[in-house]
Amino acid sequence: MDKQELLPEEFPEGPVGATRNEKLGKSSPWKRKQRRASAYVYPRKEYHAGLMRDSPGSHPPHDGTEEF
């Protein structure tokens, strides 16, 4: 994990004992190249650049070059 990768909250509803109306999430503005880490993507995208998925019918991996 590098400095631009942010870890998601362990519990999406907030930490144990937190108030119910507390605003969760990132409190400061996003910096360039900062992103949220996910369990569903390759951790090091540069190692998998240009490789397609092996499972039949799977969609191509997002490499960050296309617009959403």
PDB file of N, CA and C in Angstrom:
ATOM      1  N   MET A   1       0.842  -1.175   0.000  1.00  0.00           N
ATOM      2  CA  MET A   1       0.000   0.000   0.000  1.00  0.00           C
ATOM      3  C   MET A   1       0.892   1.244   0.000  1.00  0.00           C
ATOM      4  N   ASP A   2       0.552   2.205  -0.820  1.00  0.00           N
ATOM      5  CA  ASP A   2       1.338   3.431  -0.883  1.00  0.00           C
ATOM      6  C   ASP A   2       0.602   4.578  -0.192  1.00  0.00           C
ATOM      7  N   LYS A   3       1.215   5.740  -0.182  1.00  0.00           N
ATOM      8  CA  LYS A   3       0.659   6.884   0.545  1.00  0.00           C
ATOM      9  C   LYS A   3      -0.594   7.461  -0.095  1.00  0.00           C
ATOM     10  N   GLN A   4      -0.845   7.144  -1.364  1.00  0.00           N
ATOM     11  CA  GLN A   4      -2.018   7.683  -2.052  1.00  0.00           C
ATOM     12  C   GLN A   4      -3.241   6.780  -1.904  1.00  0.00           C
ATOM     13  N   GLU A   5      -3.088   5.633  -1.258  1.00  0.00           N
ATOM     14  CA  GLU A   5      -4.170   4.672  -1.118  1.00  0.00           C
ATOM     15  C   GLU A   5      -4.797   4.815   0.267  1.00  0.00           C
ATOM     16  N   LEU A   6      -6.095   5.038   0.312  1.00  0.00           N
ATOM     17  CA  LEU A   6      -6.795   5.202   1.580  1.00  0.00           C
ATOM     18  C   LEU A   6      -7.579   3.942   1.903  1.00  0.00           C
ATOM     19  N   LEU A   7      -7.527   3.512   3.153  1.00  0.00           N
ATOM     20  CA  LEU A   7      -8.252   2.315   3.566  1.00  0.00           C
ATOM     21  C   LEU A   7      -9.698   2.657   3.886  1.00  0.00           C
ATOM     22  N   PRO A   8     -10.632   1.798   3.467  1.00  0.00           N
ATOM     23  CA  PRO A   8     -12.033   2.045   3.820  1.00  0.00           C
ATOM     24  C   PRO A   8     -12.260   1.776   5.307  1.00  0.00           C
ATOM     25  N   GLU A   9     -13.343   2.296   5.839  1.00  0.00           N
ATOM     26  CA  GLU A   9     -13.692   2.055   7.237  1.00  0.00           C
ATOM     27  C   GLU A   9     -13.911   0.564   7.458  1.00  0.00           C
ATOM     28  N   GLU A  10     -13.477   0.068   8.617  1.00  0.00           N
ATOM     29  CA  GLU A  10     -13.695  -1.342   8.928  1.00  0.00           C
ATOM     30  C   GLU A  10     -15.187  -1.634   9.063  1.00  0.00           C
ATOM     31  N   PHE A  11     -15.896  -0.723   9.701  1.00  0.00           N
ATOM     32  CA  PHE A  11     -17.340  -0.855   9.864  1.00  0.00           C
ATOM     33  C   PHE A  11     -17.994   0.319   9.148  1.00  0.00           C
ATOM     34  N   PRO A  12     -18.739   0.086   8.074  1.00  0.00           N
ATOM     35  CA  PRO A  12     -19.320   1.184   7.297  1.00  0.00           C
ATOM     36  C   PRO A  12     -20.230   2.101   8.103  1.00  0.00           C
ATOM     37  N   GLU A  13     -20.822   1.581   9.170  1.00  0.00           N
ATOM     38  CA  GLU A  13     -21.714   2.416   9.978  1.00  0.00           C
ATOM     39  C   GLU A  13     -20.945   3.265  10.985  1.00  0.00           C
ATOM     40  N   GLY A  14     -19.627   3.145  11.012  1.00  0.00           N
ATOM     41  CA  GLY A  14     -18.796   3.963  11.883  1.00  0.00           C
ATOM     42  C   GLY A  14     -18.184   3.151  13.010  1.00  0.00           C
ATOM     43  N   PRO A  15     -17.289   3.762  13.770  1.00  0.00           N
ATOM     44  CA  PRO A  15     -16.654   3.066  14.876  1.00  0.00           C
ATOM     45  C   PRO A  15     -17.648   2.775  15.997  1.00  0.00           C
ATOM     46  N   VAL A  16     -17.362   1.749  16.764  1.00  0.00           N
ATOM     47  CA  VAL A  16     -18.222   1.378  17.884  1.00  0.00           C
ATOM     48  C   VAL A  16     -18.295   2.542  18.867  1.00  0.00           C
ATOM     49  N   GLY A  17     -19.489   2.900  19.273  1.00  0.00           N
ATOM     50  CA  GLY A  17     -19.687   3.984  20.227  1.00  0.00           C
ATOM     51  C   GLY A  17     -19.805   5.358  19.601  1.00  0.00           C
ATOM     52  N   ALA A  18     -19.734   5.450  18.277  1.00  0.00           N
ATOM     53  CA  ALA A  18     -19.847   6.747  17.601  1.00  0.00           C
ATOM     54  C   ALA A  18     -21.295   7.226  17.638  1.00  0.00           C
ATOM     55  N   THR A  19     -21.472   8.526  17.592  1.00  0.00           N
ATOM     56  CA  THR A  19     -22.831   9.064  17.551  1.00  0.00           C
ATOM     57  C   THR A  19     -23.482   8.695  16.230  1.00  0.00           C
ATOM     58  N   ARG A  20     -24.788   8.632  16.212  1.00  0.00           N
ATOM     59  CA  ARG A  20     -25.505   8.180  15.016  1.00  0.00           C
ATOM     60  C   ARG A  20     -25.513   9.231  13.915  1.00  0.00           C
ATOM     61  N   ASN A  21     -25.391  10.486  14.247  1.00  0.00           N
ATOM     62  CA  ASN A  21     -25.457  11.543  13.232  1.00  0.00           C
ATOM     63  C   ASN A  21     -24.075  12.047  12.806  1.00  0.00           C
ATOM     64  N   GLU A  22     -23.030  11.362  13.225  1.00  0.00           N
ATOM     65  CA  GLU A  22     -21.672  11.770  12.856  1.00  0.00           C
ATOM     66  C   GLU A  22     -21.440  11.520  11.367  1.00  0.00           C
ATOM     67  N   LYS A  23     -20.882  12.513  10.680  1.00  0.00           N
ATOM     68  CA  LYS A  23     -20.598  12.368   9.251  1.00  0.00           C
ATOM     69  C   LYS A  23     -19.336  11.530   9.080  1.00  0.00           C
ATOM     70  N   LEU A  24     -19.477  10.443   8.339  1.00  0.00           N
ATOM     71  CA  LEU A  24     -18.351   9.542   8.119  1.00  0.00           C
ATOM     72  C   LEU A  24     -17.735   9.801   6.757  1.00  0.00           C
ATOM     73  N   GLY A  25     -16.548   9.284   6.555  1.00  0.00           N
ATOM     74  CA  GLY A  25     -15.883   9.440   5.269  1.00  0.00           C
ATOM     75  C   GLY A  25     -14.669  10.344   5.372  1.00  0.00           C
ATOM     76  N   LYS A  26     -14.138  10.694   4.250  1.00  0.00           N
ATOM     77  CA  LYS A  26     -12.940  11.530   4.170  1.00  0.00           C
ATOM     78  C   LYS A  26     -13.289  12.961   4.546  1.00  0.00           C
ATOM     79  N   SER A  27     -12.541  13.527   5.477  1.00  0.00           N
ATOM     80  CA  SER A  27     -12.848  14.873   5.963  1.00  0.00           C
ATOM     81  C   SER A  27     -12.073  15.969   5.228  1.00  0.00           C
ATOM     82  N   SER A  28     -11.008  15.606   4.540  1.00  0.00           N
ATOM     83  CA  SER A  28     -10.229  16.599   3.802  1.00  0.00           C
ATOM     84  C   SER A  28     -10.431  16.398   2.300  1.00  0.00           C
ATOM     85  N   PRO A  29     -10.104  17.397   1.495  1.00  0.00           N
ATOM     86  CA  PRO A  29     -10.276  17.250   0.040  1.00  0.00           C
ATOM     87  C   PRO A  29      -9.368  16.158  -0.526  1.00  0.00           C
ATOM     88  N   TRP A  30      -9.812  15.549  -1.621  1.00  0.00           N
ATOM     89  CA  TRP A  30      -9.011  14.528  -2.280  1.00  0.00           C
ATOM     90  C   TRP A  30      -7.806  15.172  -2.955  1.00  0.00           C
ATOM     91  N   LYS A  31      -6.649  14.544  -2.821  1.00  0.00           N
ATOM     92  CA  LYS A  31      -5.441  15.002  -3.500  1.00  0.00           C
ATOM     93  C   LYS A  31      -5.311  14.256  -4.822  1.00  0.00           C
ATOM     94  N   ARG A  32      -4.510  14.800  -5.714  1.00  0.00           N
ATOM     95  CA  ARG A  32      -4.296  14.175  -7.021  1.00  0.00           C
ATOM     96  C   ARG A  32      -3.734  12.764  -6.834  1.00  0.00           C
ATOM     97  N   LYS A  33      -4.265  11.803  -7.551  1.00  0.00           N
ATOM     98  CA  LYS A  33      -3.869  10.390  -7.542  1.00  0.00           C
ATOM     99  C   LYS A  33      -4.250   9.642  -6.268  1.00  0.00           C
ATOM    100  N   GLN A  34      -4.958  10.276  -5.335  1.00  0.00           N
ATOM    101  CA  GLN A  34      -5.428   9.563  -4.161  1.00  0.00           C
ATOM    102  C   GLN A  34      -6.603   8.691  -4.555  1.00  0.00           C
ATOM    103  N   ARG A  35      -6.693   7.499  -3.970  1.00  0.00           N
ATOM    104  CA  ARG A  35      -7.819   6.621  -4.255  1.00  0.00           C
ATOM    105  C   ARG A  35      -8.108   5.754  -3.041  1.00  0.00           C
ATOM    106  N   ARG A  36      -9.313   5.226  -3.024  1.00  0.00           N
ATOM    107  CA  ARG A  36      -9.733   4.359  -1.937  1.00  0.00           C
ATOM    108  C   ARG A  36      -9.326   2.931  -2.272  1.00  0.00           C
ATOM    109  N   ALA A  37      -8.721   2.236  -1.326  1.00  0.00           N
ATOM    110  CA  ALA A  37      -8.339   0.844  -1.534  1.00  0.00           C
ATOM    111  C   ALA A  37      -9.589  -0.026  -1.546  1.00  0.00           C
ATOM    112  N   SER A  38      -9.576  -1.070  -2.341  1.00  0.00           N
ATOM    113  CA  SER A  38     -10.716  -1.970  -2.441  1.00  0.00           C
ATOM    114  C   SER A  38     -10.230  -3.408  -2.446  1.00  0.00           C
ATOM    115  N   ALA A  39     -11.016  -4.294  -1.875  1.00  0.00           N
ATOM    116  CA  ALA A  39     -10.678  -5.715  -1.868  1.00  0.00           C
ATOM    117  C   ALA A  39     -10.979  -6.370  -3.206  1.00  0.00           C
ATOM    118  N   TYR A  40     -11.613  -5.644  -4.116  1.00  0.00           N
ATOM    119  CA  TYR A  40     -12.077  -6.237  -5.365  1.00  0.00           C
ATOM    120  C   TYR A  40     -11.251  -5.848  -6.586  1.00  0.00           C
ATOM    121  N   VAL A  41     -10.111  -5.226  -6.402  1.00  0.00           N
ATOM    122  CA  VAL A  41      -9.246  -4.861  -7.522  1.00  0.00           C
ATOM    123  C   VAL A  41      -7.821  -5.336  -7.229  1.00  0.00           C
ATOM    124  N   TYR A  42      -6.987  -5.357  -8.268  1.00  0.00           N
ATOM    125  CA  TYR A  42      -5.591  -5.720  -8.071  1.00  0.00           C
ATOM    126  C   TYR A  42      -4.909  -4.666  -7.201  1.00  0.00           C
ATOM    127  N   PRO A  43      -4.119  -5.092  -6.198  1.00  0.00           N
ATOM    128  CA  PRO A  43      -3.459  -4.107  -5.342  1.00  0.00           C
ATOM    129  C   PRO A  43      -2.384  -3.300  -6.068  1.00  0.00           C
ATOM    130  N   ARG A  44      -1.671  -3.913  -6.995  1.00  0.00           N
ATOM    131  CA  ARG A  44      -0.636  -3.220  -7.762  1.00  0.00           C
ATOM    132  C   ARG A  44      -1.008  -3.291  -9.234  1.00  0.00           C
ATOM    133  N   LYS A  45      -1.669  -2.270  -9.724  1.00  0.00           N
ATOM    134  CA  LYS A  45      -2.180  -2.282 -11.093  1.00  0.00           C
ATOM    135  C   LYS A  45      -1.068  -2.383 -12.133  1.00  0.00           C
ATOM    136  N   GLU A  46       0.106  -1.835 -11.838  1.00  0.00           N
ATOM    137  CA  GLU A  46       1.183  -1.866 -12.826  1.00  0.00           C
ATOM    138  C   GLU A  46       1.677  -3.297 -13.088  1.00  0.00           C
ATOM    139  N   TYR A  47       1.524  -4.211 -12.131  1.00  0.00           N
ATOM    140  CA  TYR A  47       1.943  -5.596 -12.337  1.00  0.00           C
ATOM    141  C   TYR A  47       1.008  -6.335 -13.292  1.00  0.00           C
ATOM    142  N   HIS A  48      -0.224  -5.864 -13.421  1.00  0.00           N
ATOM    143  CA  HIS A  48      -1.232  -6.552 -14.220  1.00  0.00           C
ATOM    144  C   HIS A  48      -1.613  -5.776 -15.472  1.00  0.00           C
ATOM    145  N   ALA A  49      -0.869  -4.751 -15.804  1.00  0.00           N
ATOM    146  CA  ALA A  49      -1.191  -3.929 -16.976  1.00  0.00           C
ATOM    147  C   ALA A  49      -1.143  -4.776 -18.241  1.00  0.00           C
ATOM    148  N   GLY A  50      -2.195  -4.696 -19.026  1.00  0.00           N
ATOM    149  CA  GLY A  50      -2.254  -5.408 -20.290  1.00  0.00           C
ATOM    150  C   GLY A  50      -2.712  -6.852 -20.193  1.00  0.00           C
ATOM    151  N   LEU A  51      -2.930  -7.373 -18.998  1.00  0.00           N
ATOM    152  CA  LEU A  51      -3.394  -8.752 -18.844  1.00  0.00           C
ATOM    153  C   LEU A  51      -4.915  -8.787 -18.797  1.00  0.00           C
ATOM    154  N   MET A  52      -5.489  -9.705 -19.528  1.00  0.00           N
ATOM    155  CA  MET A  52      -6.941  -9.872 -19.505  1.00  0.00           C
ATOM    156  C   MET A  52      -7.308 -10.914 -18.450  1.00  0.00           C
ATOM    157  N   ARG A  53      -8.542 -10.915 -18.006  1.00  0.00           N
ATOM    158  CA  ARG A  53      -9.006 -11.904 -17.035  1.00  0.00           C
ATOM    159  C   ARG A  53      -9.224 -13.241 -17.729  1.00  0.00           C
ATOM    160  N   ASP A  54      -8.999 -14.327 -16.984  1.00  0.00           N
ATOM    161  CA  ASP A  54      -9.076 -15.673 -17.553  1.00  0.00           C
ATOM    162  C   ASP A  54     -10.485 -16.247 -17.589  1.00  0.00           C
ATOM    163  N   SER A  55     -11.369 -15.802 -16.722  1.00  0.00           N
ATOM    164  CA  SER A  55     -12.715 -16.375 -16.637  1.00  0.00           C
ATOM    165  C   SER A  55     -13.526 -16.031 -17.875  1.00  0.00           C
ATOM    166  N   PRO A  56     -14.198 -17.014 -18.468  1.00  0.00           N
ATOM    167  CA  PRO A  56     -15.024 -16.726 -19.640  1.00  0.00           C
ATOM    168  C   PRO A  56     -16.179 -15.789 -19.279  1.00  0.00           C
ATOM    169  N   GLY A  57     -16.428 -14.809 -20.112  1.00  0.00           N
ATOM    170  CA  GLY A  57     -17.528 -13.878 -19.886  1.00  0.00           C
ATOM    171  C   GLY A  57     -17.220 -12.736 -18.939  1.00  0.00           C
ATOM    172  N   SER A  58     -16.009 -12.686 -18.399  1.00  0.00           N
ATOM    173  CA  SER A  58     -15.676 -11.596 -17.474  1.00  0.00           C
ATOM    174  C   SER A  58     -15.390 -10.318 -18.258  1.00  0.00           C
ATOM    175  N   HIS A  59     -15.707  -9.189 -17.634  1.00  0.00           N
ATOM    176  CA  HIS A  59     -15.465  -7.918 -18.308  1.00  0.00           C
ATOM    177  C   HIS A  59     -13.994  -7.532 -18.171  1.00  0.00           C
ATOM    178  N   PRO A  60     -13.478  -6.705 -19.057  1.00  0.00           N
ATOM    179  CA  PRO A  60     -12.067  -6.317 -18.975  1.00  0.00           C
ATOM    180  C   PRO A  60     -11.802  -5.486 -17.719  1.00  0.00           C
ATOM    181  N   PRO A  61     -10.633  -5.635 -17.111  1.00  0.00           N
ATOM    182  CA  PRO A  61     -10.317  -4.855 -15.918  1.00  0.00           C
ATOM    183  C   PRO A  61     -10.212  -3.368 -16.249  1.00  0.00           C
ATOM    184  N   HIS A  62     -10.599  -2.541 -15.297  1.00  0.00           N
ATOM    185  CA  HIS A  62     -10.498  -1.093 -15.475  1.00  0.00           C
ATOM    186  C   HIS A  62      -9.072  -0.676 -15.154  1.00  0.00           C
ATOM    187  N   ASP A  63      -8.429  -0.046 -16.087  1.00  0.00           N
ATOM    188  CA  ASP A  63      -7.048   0.377 -15.865  1.00  0.00           C
ATOM    189  C   ASP A  63      -6.929   1.863 -15.589  1.00  0.00           C
ATOM    190  N   GLY A  64      -8.048   2.551 -15.505  1.00  0.00           N
ATOM    191  CA  GLY A  64      -8.035   3.966 -15.183  1.00  0.00           C
ATOM    192  C   GLY A  64      -7.869   4.878 -16.371  1.00  0.00           C
ATOM    193  N   THR A  65      -7.793   4.315 -17.577  1.00  0.00           N
ATOM    194  CA  THR A  65      -7.593   5.164 -18.747  1.00  0.00           C
ATOM    195  C   THR A  65      -8.904   5.606 -19.379  1.00  0.00           C
ATOM    196  N   GLU A  66      -9.981   4.879 -19.136  1.00  0.00           N
ATOM    197  CA  GLU A  66     -11.254   5.235 -19.756  1.00  0.00           C
ATOM    198  C   GLU A  66     -12.062   6.165 -18.850  1.00  0.00           C
ATOM    199  N   GLU A  67     -12.948   6.905 -19.447  1.00  0.00           N
ATOM    200  CA  GLU A  67     -13.819   7.817 -18.708  1.00  0.00           C
ATOM    201  C   GLU A  67     -15.056   7.063 -18.244  1.00  0.00           C
ATOM    202  N   PHE A  68     -15.552   7.401 -17.052  1.00  0.00           N
ATOM    203  CA  PHE A  68     -16.777   6.779 -16.544  1.00  0.00           C
ATOM    204  C   PHE A  68     -17.897   7.772 -16.556  1.00  0.00           C
TER     205      PHE A  68
END
